[in-house]
């Protein structure tokens, strides 16, 4: 019983920063709890190395934790923004005081480089197989194509997280 109490206090201490920042309004925080748990468990199982696959399982947990961080940061969903520069202008709407129209003025773009990184997704967008924005006609706007690819890549990251967990979680024990 003494060991259980000590372990409980230790758990409270190491989980405190995560729980303190937890909020109930967003999936980001669910991912944060999951990522933290995987990092703790990977450290525990990997350091004890009790069974032949312990190191491999710990590395898989760390991989899923890294993917979760990419998901939380929306790394893939925002990646296309690195391939163009634009100015954002707020224009007054004369007949409505305090109301503005947002106008995006593209200064430069390198979307072809982005498309070259993801040729399969690029072809899927052009064929209409990926159509998150419910387009009714063929797509010509490079920024919209890039955004479609980025959203698809972010979804692929999420699917990979849960696929890896589904295939491995029953083996992650000590």
N, C-alpha and C. Protein backbone atom coordinates (compact mmCIF):
# COMPACT_ATOMS: atom_id res chain seq x y z
N UNK A 1 0.83 -1.20 0.00
CA UNK A 1 0.00 0.00 0.00
C UNK A 1 0.87 1.26 0.00
N UNK A 2 1.97 1.21 0.70
CA UNK A 2 2.89 2.35 0.74
C UNK A 2 3.43 2.66 -0.66
N UNK A 3 3.78 1.61 -1.43
CA UNK A 3 4.28 1.80 -2.79
C UNK A 3 3.20 2.39 -3.69
N UNK A 4 1.96 1.94 -3.54
CA UNK A 4 0.87 2.49 -4.35
C UNK A 4 0.66 3.97 -4.07
N UNK A 5 0.75 4.35 -2.79
CA UNK A 5 0.59 5.76 -2.42
C UNK A 5 1.71 6.60 -3.03
N UNK A 6 2.93 6.10 -2.91
CA UNK A 6 4.08 6.83 -3.45
C UNK A 6 3.96 6.95 -4.97
N UNK A 7 3.57 5.88 -5.64
CA UNK A 7 3.39 5.93 -7.09
C UNK A 7 2.29 6.92 -7.46
N UNK A 8 1.20 6.93 -6.69
CA UNK A 8 0.11 7.88 -6.95
C UNK A 8 0.56 9.32 -6.84
N UNK A 9 1.35 9.62 -5.81
CA UNK A 9 1.86 10.98 -5.63
C UNK A 9 2.80 11.34 -6.77
N UNK A 10 3.66 10.39 -7.16
CA UNK A 10 4.58 10.63 -8.28
C UNK A 10 3.79 10.91 -9.55
N UNK A 11 2.72 10.13 -9.79
CA UNK A 11 1.88 10.34 -10.97
C UNK A 11 1.22 11.72 -10.94
N UNK A 12 0.71 12.10 -9.77
CA UNK A 12 0.11 13.43 -9.66
C UNK A 12 1.13 14.50 -10.02
N UNK A 13 2.34 14.36 -9.53
CA UNK A 13 3.38 15.35 -9.77
C UNK A 13 3.74 15.45 -11.25
N UNK A 14 3.94 14.30 -11.92
CA UNK A 14 4.37 14.36 -13.31
C UNK A 14 3.23 14.71 -14.27
N UNK A 15 1.98 14.41 -13.90
CA UNK A 15 0.84 14.76 -14.74
C UNK A 15 0.34 16.18 -14.48
N UNK A 16 0.74 16.79 -13.39
CA UNK A 16 0.21 18.10 -13.02
C UNK A 16 0.32 19.13 -14.14
N UNK A 17 1.48 19.32 -14.79
CA UNK A 17 1.56 20.35 -15.84
C UNK A 17 0.58 20.09 -16.99
N UNK A 18 0.41 18.84 -17.36
CA UNK A 18 -0.51 18.50 -18.46
C UNK A 18 -1.95 18.75 -18.06
N UNK A 19 -2.32 18.29 -16.88
CA UNK A 19 -3.70 18.46 -16.41
C UNK A 19 -4.01 19.93 -16.16
N UNK A 20 -3.03 20.68 -15.65
CA UNK A 20 -3.23 22.10 -15.38
C UNK A 20 -3.62 22.85 -16.65
N UNK A 21 -3.01 22.47 -17.78
CA UNK A 21 -3.26 23.16 -19.05
C UNK A 21 -4.42 22.55 -19.83
N UNK A 22 -5.00 21.47 -19.33
CA UNK A 22 -6.07 20.78 -20.05
C UNK A 22 -7.34 21.64 -20.10
N UNK A 23 -7.99 21.59 -21.26
CA UNK A 23 -9.27 22.26 -21.45
C UNK A 23 -10.21 21.29 -22.15
N UNK A 24 -11.49 21.53 -22.05
CA UNK A 24 -12.49 20.59 -22.57
C UNK A 24 -13.05 20.98 -23.93
N UNK A 25 -12.53 22.01 -24.56
CA UNK A 25 -13.19 22.54 -25.76
C UNK A 25 -12.59 22.10 -27.08
N UNK A 26 -11.57 21.27 -27.09
CA UNK A 26 -10.84 21.08 -28.33
C UNK A 26 -10.14 19.73 -28.33
N UNK A 27 -10.06 19.11 -29.49
CA UNK A 27 -9.36 17.84 -29.64
C UNK A 27 -7.88 17.93 -29.36
N UNK A 28 -7.31 19.13 -29.46
CA UNK A 28 -5.89 19.33 -29.17
C UNK A 28 -5.54 18.77 -27.79
N UNK A 29 -6.43 18.97 -26.82
CA UNK A 29 -6.15 18.56 -25.45
C UNK A 29 -6.29 17.05 -25.27
N UNK A 30 -7.16 16.44 -26.04
CA UNK A 30 -7.23 14.97 -26.03
C UNK A 30 -5.92 14.41 -26.55
N UNK A 31 -5.45 14.98 -27.65
CA UNK A 31 -4.16 14.56 -28.20
C UNK A 31 -3.04 14.78 -27.18
N UNK A 32 -3.09 15.88 -26.45
CA UNK A 32 -2.04 16.18 -25.47
C UNK A 32 -1.99 15.12 -24.38
N UNK A 33 -3.15 14.71 -23.89
CA UNK A 33 -3.20 13.65 -22.87
C UNK A 33 -2.63 12.35 -23.43
N UNK A 34 -3.03 12.02 -24.62
CA UNK A 34 -2.58 10.78 -25.26
C UNK A 34 -1.07 10.83 -25.52
N UNK A 35 -0.59 11.95 -26.02
CA UNK A 35 0.84 12.10 -26.32
C UNK A 35 1.67 11.97 -25.04
N UNK A 36 1.22 12.63 -23.99
CA UNK A 36 1.93 12.57 -22.72
C UNK A 36 1.98 11.14 -22.19
N UNK A 37 0.85 10.46 -22.23
CA UNK A 37 0.80 9.07 -21.77
C UNK A 37 1.75 8.19 -22.58
N UNK A 38 1.75 8.36 -23.90
CA UNK A 38 2.65 7.55 -24.73
C UNK A 38 4.11 7.84 -24.42
N UNK A 39 4.45 9.07 -24.18
CA UNK A 39 5.83 9.41 -23.84
C UNK A 39 6.24 8.79 -22.51
N UNK A 40 5.36 8.86 -21.50
CA UNK A 40 5.65 8.24 -20.20
C UNK A 40 5.81 6.73 -20.35
N UNK A 41 4.87 6.11 -21.06
CA UNK A 41 4.89 4.66 -21.20
C UNK A 41 6.09 4.20 -22.04
N UNK A 42 6.44 4.94 -23.08
CA UNK A 42 7.61 4.59 -23.89
C UNK A 42 8.87 4.64 -23.04
N UNK A 43 9.00 5.64 -22.21
CA UNK A 43 10.17 5.75 -21.33
C UNK A 43 10.21 4.57 -20.36
N UNK A 44 9.09 4.24 -19.78
CA UNK A 44 9.03 3.15 -18.81
C UNK A 44 9.36 1.81 -19.46
N UNK A 45 8.68 1.48 -20.54
CA UNK A 45 8.87 0.18 -21.20
C UNK A 45 10.25 0.10 -21.84
N UNK A 46 10.68 1.16 -22.49
CA UNK A 46 11.99 1.17 -23.14
C UNK A 46 13.15 1.06 -22.16
N UNK A 47 13.03 1.71 -21.02
CA UNK A 47 14.13 1.69 -20.04
C UNK A 47 14.20 0.35 -19.30
N UNK A 48 13.09 -0.29 -19.10
CA UNK A 48 13.08 -1.58 -18.39
C UNK A 48 13.53 -2.72 -19.30
N UNK A 49 13.19 -2.65 -20.58
CA UNK A 49 13.63 -3.63 -21.57
C UNK A 49 13.44 -5.07 -21.09
N UNK A 50 12.25 -5.36 -20.58
CA UNK A 50 11.98 -6.69 -20.00
C UNK A 50 11.77 -7.76 -21.06
N UNK A 51 11.17 -7.43 -22.17
CA UNK A 51 10.94 -8.44 -23.21
C UNK A 51 11.65 -8.06 -24.50
N UNK A 52 11.74 -8.99 -25.41
CA UNK A 52 12.57 -8.82 -26.61
C UNK A 52 12.12 -7.67 -27.50
N UNK A 53 10.85 -7.34 -27.48
CA UNK A 53 10.34 -6.27 -28.35
C UNK A 53 10.15 -4.94 -27.60
N UNK A 54 10.60 -4.85 -26.36
CA UNK A 54 10.35 -3.65 -25.56
C UNK A 54 10.90 -2.38 -26.21
N UNK A 55 12.12 -2.44 -26.69
CA UNK A 55 12.72 -1.25 -27.32
C UNK A 55 11.95 -0.87 -28.58
N UNK A 56 11.55 -1.87 -29.36
CA UNK A 56 10.79 -1.61 -30.59
C UNK A 56 9.42 -1.00 -30.27
N UNK A 57 8.77 -1.53 -29.25
CA UNK A 57 7.47 -0.99 -28.84
C UNK A 57 7.60 0.44 -28.34
N UNK A 58 8.66 0.69 -27.57
CA UNK A 58 8.89 2.05 -27.07
C UNK A 58 9.11 3.02 -28.23
N UNK A 59 9.85 2.58 -29.24
CA UNK A 59 10.09 3.44 -30.40
C UNK A 59 8.79 3.71 -31.16
N UNK A 60 7.94 2.70 -31.28
CA UNK A 60 6.63 2.92 -31.93
C UNK A 60 5.81 3.93 -31.16
N UNK A 61 5.82 3.83 -29.84
CA UNK A 61 5.07 4.80 -29.02
C UNK A 61 5.62 6.21 -29.24
N UNK A 62 6.93 6.32 -29.31
CA UNK A 62 7.53 7.64 -29.54
C UNK A 62 7.17 8.17 -30.93
N UNK A 63 7.12 7.28 -31.90
CA UNK A 63 6.70 7.67 -33.25
C UNK A 63 5.28 8.22 -33.24
N UNK A 64 4.38 7.51 -32.57
CA UNK A 64 2.99 7.98 -32.50
C UNK A 64 2.93 9.31 -31.76
N UNK A 65 3.72 9.47 -30.70
CA UNK A 65 3.76 10.74 -29.97
C UNK A 65 4.23 11.88 -30.88
N UNK A 66 5.24 11.61 -31.72
CA UNK A 66 5.72 12.64 -32.67
C UNK A 66 4.64 12.98 -33.70
N UNK A 67 3.95 11.96 -34.18
CA UNK A 67 2.86 12.20 -35.13
C UNK A 67 1.74 13.01 -34.48
N UNK A 68 1.46 12.72 -33.23
CA UNK A 68 0.43 13.49 -32.51
C UNK A 68 0.85 14.95 -32.42
N UNK A 69 2.11 15.20 -32.16
CA UNK A 69 2.59 16.59 -32.09
C UNK A 69 2.42 17.28 -33.46
N UNK A 70 2.73 16.56 -34.54
CA UNK A 70 2.52 17.12 -35.88
C UNK A 70 1.04 17.41 -36.11
N UNK A 71 0.18 16.54 -35.61
CA UNK A 71 -1.26 16.73 -35.76
C UNK A 71 -1.71 17.94 -34.96
N UNK A 72 -1.25 18.05 -33.73
CA UNK A 72 -1.63 19.19 -32.89
C UNK A 72 -1.19 20.52 -33.49
N UNK A 73 0.00 20.53 -34.05
CA UNK A 73 0.54 21.77 -34.63
C UNK A 73 0.01 22.04 -36.03
N UNK A 74 -0.80 21.13 -36.56
CA UNK A 74 -1.34 21.22 -37.91
C UNK A 74 -0.22 21.45 -38.93
N UNK A 75 0.87 20.73 -38.74
CA UNK A 75 2.06 20.88 -39.56
C UNK A 75 1.76 20.68 -41.04
N UNK A 76 1.05 19.61 -41.37
CA UNK A 76 0.77 19.33 -42.78
C UNK A 76 -0.32 20.24 -43.33
N UNK A 77 -1.29 20.57 -42.50
CA UNK A 77 -2.39 21.43 -42.95
C UNK A 77 -1.96 22.85 -43.26
N UNK A 78 -0.88 23.29 -42.64
CA UNK A 78 -0.39 24.65 -42.85
C UNK A 78 0.83 24.71 -43.75
N UNK A 79 1.35 23.56 -44.14
CA UNK A 79 2.60 23.52 -44.90
C UNK A 79 2.54 24.32 -46.20
N UNK A 80 1.40 24.29 -46.87
CA UNK A 80 1.28 24.99 -48.16
C UNK A 80 1.54 26.48 -48.02
N UNK A 81 1.35 27.03 -46.83
CA UNK A 81 1.54 28.46 -46.62
C UNK A 81 3.01 28.86 -46.74
N UNK A 82 3.91 27.89 -46.62
CA UNK A 82 5.33 28.18 -46.78
C UNK A 82 5.71 28.39 -48.24
N UNK A 83 4.78 28.12 -49.15
CA UNK A 83 5.07 28.17 -50.58
C UNK A 83 4.45 29.39 -51.27
N UNK A 84 4.01 30.34 -50.50
CA UNK A 84 3.52 31.58 -51.11
C UNK A 84 3.58 32.72 -50.09
N UNK A 85 3.60 33.92 -50.63
CA UNK A 85 3.56 35.13 -49.80
C UNK A 85 2.37 35.95 -50.26
N UNK A 86 1.68 36.49 -49.29
CA UNK A 86 0.53 37.34 -49.63
C UNK A 86 0.37 38.43 -48.59
N UNK A 87 -0.18 39.52 -49.03
CA UNK A 87 -0.56 40.61 -48.13
C UNK A 87 -2.03 40.47 -47.81
N UNK A 88 -2.37 40.81 -46.59
CA UNK A 88 -3.77 40.79 -46.18
C UNK A 88 -4.19 42.23 -45.96
N UNK A 89 -5.21 42.66 -46.67
CA UNK A 89 -5.69 44.04 -46.59
C UNK A 89 -7.11 44.05 -46.05
N UNK A 90 -7.35 44.95 -45.12
CA UNK A 90 -8.68 45.14 -44.54
C UNK A 90 -9.26 46.40 -45.17
N UNK A 91 -10.33 46.27 -45.89
CA UNK A 91 -10.92 47.39 -46.60
C UNK A 91 -12.27 47.73 -45.95
N UNK A 92 -12.44 49.02 -45.62
CA UNK A 92 -13.70 49.47 -45.02
C UNK A 92 -14.85 49.25 -45.99
N UNK A 93 -15.95 48.79 -45.44
CA UNK A 93 -17.19 48.71 -46.22
C UNK A 93 -17.96 49.99 -45.88
N UNK A 94 -18.10 50.88 -46.86
CA UNK A 94 -18.61 52.23 -46.62
C UNK A 94 -19.97 52.29 -45.96
N UNK A 95 -20.87 51.45 -46.38
CA UNK A 95 -22.24 51.59 -45.87
C UNK A 95 -22.44 50.92 -44.51
N UNK A 96 -21.41 50.27 -43.96
CA UNK A 96 -21.54 49.62 -42.66
C UNK A 96 -20.33 49.98 -41.79
N UNK A 97 -20.49 50.94 -40.89
CA UNK A 97 -19.36 51.37 -40.04
C UNK A 97 -18.83 50.19 -39.21
N UNK A 98 -17.51 50.11 -39.15
CA UNK A 98 -16.87 49.07 -38.36
C UNK A 98 -16.78 47.71 -39.05
N UNK A 99 -17.30 47.62 -40.28
CA UNK A 99 -17.24 46.37 -41.03
C UNK A 99 -16.13 46.46 -42.08
N UNK A 100 -15.45 45.37 -42.24
CA UNK A 100 -14.33 45.33 -43.18
C UNK A 100 -14.46 44.14 -44.10
N UNK A 101 -13.88 44.29 -45.27
CA UNK A 101 -13.74 43.19 -46.21
C UNK A 101 -12.26 42.81 -46.21
N UNK A 102 -11.99 41.52 -46.18
CA UNK A 102 -10.60 41.06 -46.21
C UNK A 102 -10.24 40.73 -47.65
N UNK A 103 -9.14 41.31 -48.11
CA UNK A 103 -8.67 41.07 -49.47
C UNK A 103 -7.24 40.52 -49.38
N UNK A 104 -7.03 39.38 -50.01
CA UNK A 104 -5.71 38.76 -50.04
C UNK A 104 -5.04 39.10 -51.36
N UNK A 105 -3.84 39.64 -51.27
CA UNK A 105 -3.08 40.02 -52.46
C UNK A 105 -1.83 39.14 -52.50
N UNK A 106 -1.84 38.18 -53.41
CA UNK A 106 -0.72 37.25 -53.51
C UNK A 106 0.47 37.94 -54.14
N UNK A 107 1.61 37.92 -53.44
CA UNK A 107 2.83 38.56 -53.93
C UNK A 107 3.69 37.59 -54.74
N UNK A 108 3.79 36.37 -54.26
CA UNK A 108 4.58 35.37 -54.97
C UNK A 108 4.10 33.97 -54.56
N UNK A 109 4.40 32.98 -55.40
CA UNK A 109 4.04 31.61 -55.07
C UNK A 109 5.02 30.64 -55.70
N UNK A 110 5.21 29.52 -55.00
CA UNK A 110 6.05 28.43 -55.46
C UNK A 110 5.30 27.11 -55.29
N UNK A 111 4.02 27.14 -55.62
CA UNK A 111 3.19 25.96 -55.39
C UNK A 111 3.64 24.75 -56.21
N UNK A 112 4.29 24.97 -57.35
CA UNK A 112 4.76 23.83 -58.14
C UNK A 112 5.76 22.99 -57.35
N UNK A 113 6.55 23.63 -56.51
CA UNK A 113 7.48 22.88 -55.64
C UNK A 113 6.69 22.03 -54.64
N UNK A 114 5.64 22.61 -54.10
CA UNK A 114 4.78 21.89 -53.15
C UNK A 114 4.11 20.71 -53.85
N UNK A 115 3.60 20.92 -55.05
CA UNK A 115 2.96 19.85 -55.81
C UNK A 115 3.95 18.73 -56.12
N UNK A 116 5.20 19.10 -56.38
CA UNK A 116 6.23 18.09 -56.68
C UNK A 116 6.52 17.21 -55.47
N UNK A 117 6.33 17.74 -54.27
CA UNK A 117 6.52 16.95 -53.05
C UNK A 117 5.43 15.90 -52.88
N UNK A 118 4.24 16.20 -53.39
CA UNK A 118 3.08 15.34 -53.18
C UNK A 118 2.38 15.04 -54.51
N UNK A 119 3.06 14.37 -55.43
CA UNK A 119 2.47 14.17 -56.76
C UNK A 119 1.20 13.32 -56.73
N UNK A 120 1.14 12.35 -55.85
CA UNK A 120 -0.06 11.49 -55.79
C UNK A 120 -1.28 12.29 -55.34
N UNK A 121 -1.11 13.08 -54.29
CA UNK A 121 -2.23 13.90 -53.82
C UNK A 121 -2.60 14.96 -54.85
N UNK A 122 -1.61 15.50 -55.53
CA UNK A 122 -1.86 16.50 -56.57
C UNK A 122 -2.76 15.90 -57.65
N UNK A 123 -2.43 14.71 -58.11
CA UNK A 123 -3.24 14.05 -59.15
C UNK A 123 -4.63 13.71 -58.63
N UNK A 124 -4.73 13.34 -57.37
CA UNK A 124 -6.04 13.02 -56.79
C UNK A 124 -6.92 14.26 -56.69
N UNK A 125 -6.32 15.42 -56.40
CA UNK A 125 -7.08 16.67 -56.37
C UNK A 125 -7.55 17.02 -57.77
N UNK A 126 -6.65 16.96 -58.74
CA UNK A 126 -7.01 17.32 -60.11
C UNK A 126 -8.09 16.40 -60.67
N UNK A 127 -8.07 15.13 -60.28
CA UNK A 127 -9.07 14.19 -60.79
C UNK A 127 -10.42 14.35 -60.08
N UNK A 128 -10.44 15.09 -58.96
CA UNK A 128 -11.67 15.26 -58.21
C UNK A 128 -11.85 14.22 -57.12
N UNK A 129 -10.92 13.28 -57.00
CA UNK A 129 -11.01 12.26 -55.95
C UNK A 129 -10.93 12.90 -54.57
N UNK A 130 -10.09 13.90 -54.44
CA UNK A 130 -10.04 14.71 -53.21
C UNK A 130 -10.78 16.00 -53.53
N UNK A 131 -11.86 16.23 -52.80
CA UNK A 131 -12.70 17.40 -53.06
C UNK A 131 -13.34 17.85 -51.75
N UNK A 132 -12.53 18.37 -50.85
CA UNK A 132 -13.00 18.78 -49.54
C UNK A 132 -13.89 20.02 -49.59
N UNK A 133 -13.72 20.84 -50.62
CA UNK A 133 -14.45 22.09 -50.70
C UNK A 133 -15.64 22.01 -51.66
N UNK A 134 -16.04 20.78 -52.02
CA UNK A 134 -17.22 20.53 -52.86
C UNK A 134 -17.23 21.36 -54.14
N UNK A 135 -16.13 21.28 -54.85
CA UNK A 135 -16.03 21.99 -56.13
C UNK A 135 -16.94 21.31 -57.15
N UNK A 136 -17.54 22.11 -57.99
CA UNK A 136 -18.41 21.57 -59.03
C UNK A 136 -17.73 21.54 -60.39
N UNK A 137 -16.62 22.24 -60.51
CA UNK A 137 -15.93 22.27 -61.80
C UNK A 137 -14.45 22.00 -61.56
N UNK A 138 -13.71 21.71 -62.61
CA UNK A 138 -12.28 21.44 -62.45
C UNK A 138 -11.57 22.61 -61.76
N UNK A 139 -10.59 22.26 -61.00
CA UNK A 139 -9.87 23.25 -60.20
C UNK A 139 -8.70 23.83 -60.99
N UNK A 140 -8.55 25.14 -60.92
CA UNK A 140 -7.45 25.81 -61.61
C UNK A 140 -6.64 26.68 -60.66
N UNK A 141 -7.22 27.08 -59.56
CA UNK A 141 -6.56 27.94 -58.59
C UNK A 141 -5.49 27.14 -57.84
N UNK A 142 -4.22 27.51 -58.03
CA UNK A 142 -3.12 26.76 -57.43
C UNK A 142 -3.18 26.77 -55.91
N UNK A 143 -3.59 27.89 -55.34
CA UNK A 143 -3.67 27.96 -53.89
C UNK A 143 -4.73 27.00 -53.35
N UNK A 144 -5.84 26.89 -54.04
CA UNK A 144 -6.89 25.97 -53.61
C UNK A 144 -6.43 24.51 -53.76
N UNK A 145 -5.70 24.22 -54.83
CA UNK A 145 -5.14 22.88 -55.00
C UNK A 145 -4.20 22.58 -53.84
N UNK A 146 -3.33 23.52 -53.51
CA UNK A 146 -2.37 23.34 -52.42
C UNK A 146 -3.09 23.15 -51.09
N UNK A 147 -4.15 23.91 -50.88
CA UNK A 147 -4.92 23.77 -49.63
C UNK A 147 -5.58 22.41 -49.54
N UNK A 148 -6.11 21.93 -50.65
CA UNK A 148 -6.71 20.58 -50.69
C UNK A 148 -5.67 19.52 -50.31
N UNK A 149 -4.49 19.64 -50.90
CA UNK A 149 -3.41 18.68 -50.61
C UNK A 149 -3.04 18.76 -49.14
N UNK A 150 -2.90 19.97 -48.63
CA UNK A 150 -2.52 20.15 -47.23
C UNK A 150 -3.54 19.53 -46.28
N UNK A 151 -4.81 19.77 -46.55
CA UNK A 151 -5.86 19.18 -45.69
C UNK A 151 -5.84 17.66 -45.78
N UNK A 152 -5.63 17.14 -46.96
CA UNK A 152 -5.55 15.68 -47.12
C UNK A 152 -4.35 15.12 -46.36
N UNK A 153 -3.22 15.78 -46.43
CA UNK A 153 -2.04 15.31 -45.71
C UNK A 153 -2.25 15.34 -44.21
N UNK A 154 -2.95 16.36 -43.72
CA UNK A 154 -3.24 16.43 -42.29
C UNK A 154 -4.16 15.29 -41.89
N UNK A 155 -5.14 14.97 -42.72
CA UNK A 155 -6.03 13.84 -42.44
C UNK A 155 -5.28 12.52 -42.48
N UNK A 156 -4.33 12.41 -43.39
CA UNK A 156 -3.52 11.19 -43.48
C UNK A 156 -2.70 11.01 -42.21
N UNK A 157 -2.19 12.09 -41.65
CA UNK A 157 -1.44 12.03 -40.41
C UNK A 157 -2.33 11.49 -39.29
N UNK A 158 -3.54 12.00 -39.20
CA UNK A 158 -4.47 11.55 -38.17
C UNK A 158 -4.81 10.07 -38.35
N UNK A 159 -5.06 9.67 -39.58
CA UNK A 159 -5.37 8.25 -39.83
C UNK A 159 -4.19 7.36 -39.46
N UNK A 160 -2.98 7.81 -39.73
CA UNK A 160 -1.79 7.03 -39.41
C UNK A 160 -1.63 6.87 -37.90
N UNK A 161 -1.89 7.92 -37.16
CA UNK A 161 -1.82 7.84 -35.69
C UNK A 161 -2.70 6.70 -35.19
N UNK A 162 -3.94 6.72 -35.61
CA UNK A 162 -4.88 5.74 -35.08
C UNK A 162 -4.67 4.35 -35.68
N UNK A 163 -4.15 4.27 -36.88
CA UNK A 163 -3.81 2.97 -37.46
C UNK A 163 -2.66 2.33 -36.67
N UNK A 164 -1.61 3.11 -36.40
CA UNK A 164 -0.50 2.58 -35.63
C UNK A 164 -0.94 2.17 -34.23
N UNK A 165 -1.79 2.97 -33.62
CA UNK A 165 -2.28 2.60 -32.30
C UNK A 165 -3.12 1.33 -32.36
N UNK A 166 -4.00 1.25 -33.34
CA UNK A 166 -4.86 0.08 -33.49
C UNK A 166 -4.03 -1.20 -33.66
N UNK A 167 -2.97 -1.11 -34.46
CA UNK A 167 -2.16 -2.28 -34.75
C UNK A 167 -1.19 -2.64 -33.63
N UNK A 168 -0.90 -1.70 -32.72
CA UNK A 168 0.16 -1.94 -31.75
C UNK A 168 -0.23 -1.86 -30.29
N UNK A 169 -1.30 -1.19 -29.96
CA UNK A 169 -1.57 -0.86 -28.56
C UNK A 169 -1.71 -2.10 -27.67
N UNK A 170 -2.18 -3.19 -28.20
CA UNK A 170 -2.32 -4.41 -27.39
C UNK A 170 -0.96 -5.03 -27.04
N UNK A 171 0.09 -4.59 -27.71
CA UNK A 171 1.43 -5.11 -27.43
C UNK A 171 2.23 -4.18 -26.52
N UNK A 172 1.69 -3.02 -26.24
CA UNK A 172 2.42 -2.02 -25.45
C UNK A 172 2.17 -2.23 -23.97
N UNK A 173 2.80 -3.21 -23.43
CA UNK A 173 2.68 -3.50 -22.01
C UNK A 173 4.01 -4.05 -21.53
N UNK A 174 4.16 -4.07 -20.22
CA UNK A 174 5.41 -4.55 -19.63
C UNK A 174 5.11 -5.74 -18.75
